[in-house]
Amino acid sequence: MNKRIYRIGKAGQANDASTEFDYTEKSITPIGGFPHYGVITQDWLMLKGCTVGVKKRVLTLRKAIYPPRNKPTPLNLKFIDTSSKFGHGRFQTLKEKQAFMGTLKKDQK
């Protein structure tokens, strides 16, 4: 009821997780993908709160029957966290991870 839409993204956008305050070029998909979902390859919608339904199923949105009690405040996203959602992720982009970790054995030829 009265879900708030934070952002709408198109498929294939390279810089869709940047904001006015965070100029880092990063994709909305976290490093390693979302748990039990994977990598986002289609248009997406960022909502506030939870939604009901099965993963990877169509979600139908419609206008609210009851209007919100309070006037909605202007939305101002400052940061979108794209660190890994598996374990304790700390890097926002692969470039940041490679700069910190250095050359890994698996990356050597």
C-alpha atoms as a PDB file:
ATOM      1  CA  MET A   1       0.000   0.000   0.000  1.00  0.00           C
ATOM      2  CA  ASN A   2       1.367   3.392  -1.030  1.00  0.00           C
ATOM      3  CA  LYS A   3       4.747   2.084  -2.156  1.00  0.00           C
ATOM      4  CA  ARG A   4       7.308   4.722  -3.064  1.00  0.00           C
ATOM      5  CA  ILE A   5       9.190   4.444  -6.354  1.00  0.00           C
ATOM      6  CA  TYR A   6      12.811   5.507  -5.851  1.00  0.00           C
ATOM      7  CA  ARG A   7      14.224   4.928  -9.317  1.00  0.00           C
ATOM      8  CA  ILE A   8      13.354   3.394 -12.681  1.00  0.00           C
ATOM      9  CA  GLY A   9      16.167   1.925 -14.777  1.00  0.00           C
ATOM     10  CA  LYS A  10      16.478   0.736 -18.332  1.00  0.00           C
ATOM     11  CA  ALA A  11      18.222  -2.424 -19.468  1.00  0.00           C
ATOM     12  CA  GLY A  12      21.814  -1.956 -20.539  1.00  0.00           C
ATOM     13  CA  GLN A  13      22.482   1.370 -18.798  1.00  0.00           C
ATOM     14  CA  ALA A  14      26.091   1.414 -17.679  1.00  0.00           C
ATOM     15  CA  ASN A  15      25.865   4.156 -15.054  1.00  0.00           C
ATOM     16  CA  ASP A  16      22.465   3.518 -13.473  1.00  0.00           C
ATOM     17  CA  ALA A  17      23.498   3.485  -9.786  1.00  0.00           C
ATOM     18  CA  SER A  18      25.069   6.952  -9.730  1.00  0.00           C
ATOM     19  CA  THR A  19      23.423   9.834  -7.901  1.00  0.00           C
ATOM     20  CA  GLU A  20      23.952  13.585  -7.588  1.00  0.00           C
ATOM     21  CA  PHE A  21      26.252  13.057  -4.600  1.00  0.00           C
ATOM     22  CA  ASP A  22      28.001   9.833  -5.725  1.00  0.00           C
ATOM     23  CA  TYR A  23      29.601  10.127  -9.174  1.00  0.00           C
ATOM     24  CA  THR A  24      31.074   6.624  -9.195  1.00  0.00           C
ATOM     25  CA  GLU A  25      30.246   4.846 -12.432  1.00  0.00           C
ATOM     26  CA  LYS A  26      28.625   1.584 -11.349  1.00  0.00           C
ATOM     27  CA  SER A  27      25.812  -0.722 -12.349  1.00  0.00           C
ATOM     28  CA  ILE A  28      22.808  -1.401 -10.122  1.00  0.00           C
ATOM     29  CA  THR A  29      23.761  -5.100  -9.920  1.00  0.00           C
ATOM     30  CA  PRO A  30      26.078  -5.823  -6.946  1.00  0.00           C
ATOM     31  CA  ILE A  31      29.399  -7.589  -7.444  1.00  0.00           C
ATOM     32  CA  GLY A  32      28.474 -11.269  -7.825  1.00  0.00           C
ATOM     33  CA  GLY A  33      24.772 -10.545  -8.496  1.00  0.00           C
ATOM     34  CA  PHE A  34      21.778 -10.490  -6.175  1.00  0.00           C
ATOM     35  CA  PRO A  35      21.286 -13.557  -3.920  1.00  0.00           C
ATOM     36  CA  HIS A  36      18.832 -16.042  -5.459  1.00  0.00           C
ATOM     37  CA  TYR A  37      18.333 -13.769  -8.493  1.00  0.00           C
ATOM     38  CA  GLY A  38      21.574 -13.044 -10.312  1.00  0.00           C
ATOM     39  CA  VAL A  39      22.452 -10.195 -12.646  1.00  0.00           C
ATOM     40  CA  ILE A  40      19.826  -7.675 -13.749  1.00  0.00           C
ATOM     41  CA  THR A  41      19.488  -7.726 -17.550  1.00  0.00           C
ATOM     42  CA  GLN A  42      16.077  -6.095 -18.037  1.00  0.00           C
ATOM     43  CA  ASP A  43      14.337  -2.868 -17.040  1.00  0.00           C
ATOM     44  CA  TRP A  44      14.091  -2.503 -13.259  1.00  0.00           C
ATOM     45  CA  LEU A  45      12.225  -0.587 -10.581  1.00  0.00           C
ATOM     46  CA  MET A  46      13.531   0.398  -7.133  1.00  0.00           C
ATOM     47  CA  LEU A  47      10.747   0.481  -4.511  1.00  0.00           C
ATOM     48  CA  LYS A  48      10.726   1.368  -0.836  1.00  0.00           C
ATOM     49  CA  GLY A  49       9.780  -1.517   1.419  1.00  0.00           C
ATOM     50  CA  CYS A  50       8.912  -5.094   0.661  1.00  0.00           C
ATOM     51  CA  THR A  51       6.605  -6.581  -1.943  1.00  0.00           C
ATOM     52  CA  VAL A  52       4.709  -9.848  -1.951  1.00  0.00           C
ATOM     53  CA  GLY A  53       5.091 -12.570  -4.541  1.00  0.00           C
ATOM     54  CA  VAL A  54       7.501 -15.094  -5.918  1.00  0.00           C
ATOM     55  CA  LYS A  55      11.006 -14.143  -7.095  1.00  0.00           C
ATOM     56  CA  LYS A  56      11.367 -13.397 -10.810  1.00  0.00           C
ATOM     57  CA  ARG A  57       7.582 -13.075 -11.191  1.00  0.00           C
ATOM     58  CA  VAL A  58       5.644 -10.154 -12.633  1.00  0.00           C
ATOM     59  CA  LEU A  59       4.707  -7.505 -10.078  1.00  0.00           C
ATOM     60  CA  THR A  60       1.579  -5.470 -10.811  1.00  0.00           C
ATOM     61  CA  LEU A  61       1.480  -1.898  -9.536  1.00  0.00           C
ATOM     62  CA  ARG A  62      -1.578   0.338  -9.536  1.00  0.00           C
ATOM     63  CA  LYS A  63      -2.668   3.619  -8.050  1.00  0.00           C
ATOM     64  CA  ALA A  64      -3.424   3.507  -4.339  1.00  0.00           C
ATOM     65  CA  ILE A  65      -7.059   3.215  -3.281  1.00  0.00           C
ATOM     66  CA  TYR A  66      -6.437   5.334  -0.214  1.00  0.00           C
ATOM     67  CA  PRO A  67      -4.296   8.443  -0.671  1.00  0.00           C
ATOM     68  CA  PRO A  68      -1.259   8.816   1.624  1.00  0.00           C
ATOM     69  CA  ARG A  69      -2.013  10.444   4.974  1.00  0.00           C
ATOM     70  CA  ASN A  70       1.002  12.738   4.886  1.00  0.00           C
ATOM     71  CA  LYS A  71       2.278  14.669   1.912  1.00  0.00           C
ATOM     72  CA  PRO A  72       5.222  12.808   0.408  1.00  0.00           C
ATOM     73  CA  THR A  73       8.530  14.546   0.977  1.00  0.00           C
ATOM     74  CA  PRO A  74      10.750  15.203  -2.037  1.00  0.00           C
ATOM     75  CA  LEU A  75      12.942  12.237  -2.822  1.00  0.00           C
ATOM     76  CA  ASN A  76      16.699  12.777  -2.762  1.00  0.00           C
ATOM     77  CA  LEU A  77      18.816   9.620  -3.108  1.00  0.00           C
ATOM     78  CA  LYS A  78      22.384  10.209  -1.964  1.00  0.00           C
ATOM     79  CA  PHE A  79      23.956   6.754  -2.286  1.00  0.00           C
ATOM     80  CA  ILE A  80      23.037   3.360  -3.723  1.00  0.00           C
ATOM     81  CA  ASP A  81      24.960   0.476  -2.139  1.00  0.00           C
ATOM     82  CA  THR A  82      26.240  -1.963  -4.752  1.00  0.00           C
ATOM     83  CA  SER A  83      28.625  -3.972  -2.581  1.00  0.00           C
ATOM     84  CA  SER A  84      28.378  -7.755  -2.661  1.00  0.00           C
ATOM     85  CA  LYS A  85      25.321  -9.138  -0.879  1.00  0.00           C
ATOM     86  CA  PHE A  86      27.087 -12.447  -0.133  1.00  0.00           C
ATOM     87  CA  GLY A  87      28.981 -12.286   3.147  1.00  0.00           C
ATOM     88  CA  HIS A  88      30.537  -8.979   4.144  1.00  0.00           C
ATOM     89  CA  GLY A  89      30.963  -7.042   0.907  1.00  0.00           C
ATOM     90  CA  ARG A  90      32.913  -3.807   1.018  1.00  0.00           C
ATOM     91  CA  PHE A  91      33.697  -2.870  -2.587  1.00  0.00           C
ATOM     92  CA  GLN A  92      31.286  -0.913  -4.780  1.00  0.00           C
ATOM     93  CA  THR A  93      32.947  -1.667  -8.138  1.00  0.00           C
ATOM     94  CA  LEU A  94      35.313  -4.268  -9.564  1.00  0.00           C
ATOM     95  CA  LYS A  95      37.936  -1.560 -10.230  1.00  0.00           C
ATOM     96  CA  GLU A  96      37.879  -0.610  -6.543  1.00  0.00           C
ATOM     97  CA  LYS A  97      38.300  -4.260  -5.534  1.00  0.00           C
ATOM     98  CA  GLN A  98      41.194  -4.823  -7.950  1.00  0.00           C
ATOM     99  CA  ALA A  99      42.952  -1.645  -6.764  1.00  0.00           C
ATOM    100  CA  PHE A 100      42.753  -2.835  -3.136  1.00  0.00           C
ATOM    101  CA  MET A 101      43.501  -6.546  -3.652  1.00  0.00           C
ATOM    102  CA  GLY A 102      46.107  -6.203  -6.400  1.00  0.00           C
ATOM    103  CA  THR A 103      46.688  -8.880  -9.005  1.00  0.00           C
ATOM    104  CA  LEU A 104      45.182 -12.178  -7.916  1.00  0.00           C
ATOM    105  CA  LYS A 105      46.532 -15.590  -8.846  1.00  0.00           C
ATOM    106  CA  LYS A 106      43.419 -16.392 -10.863  1.00  0.00           C
ATOM    107  CA  ASP A 107      43.926 -13.204 -12.947  1.00  0.00           C
ATOM    108  CA  GLN A 108      47.516 -14.063 -13.908  1.00  0.00           C
ATOM    109  CA  LYS A 109      48.193 -15.816 -17.199  1.00  0.00           C
END
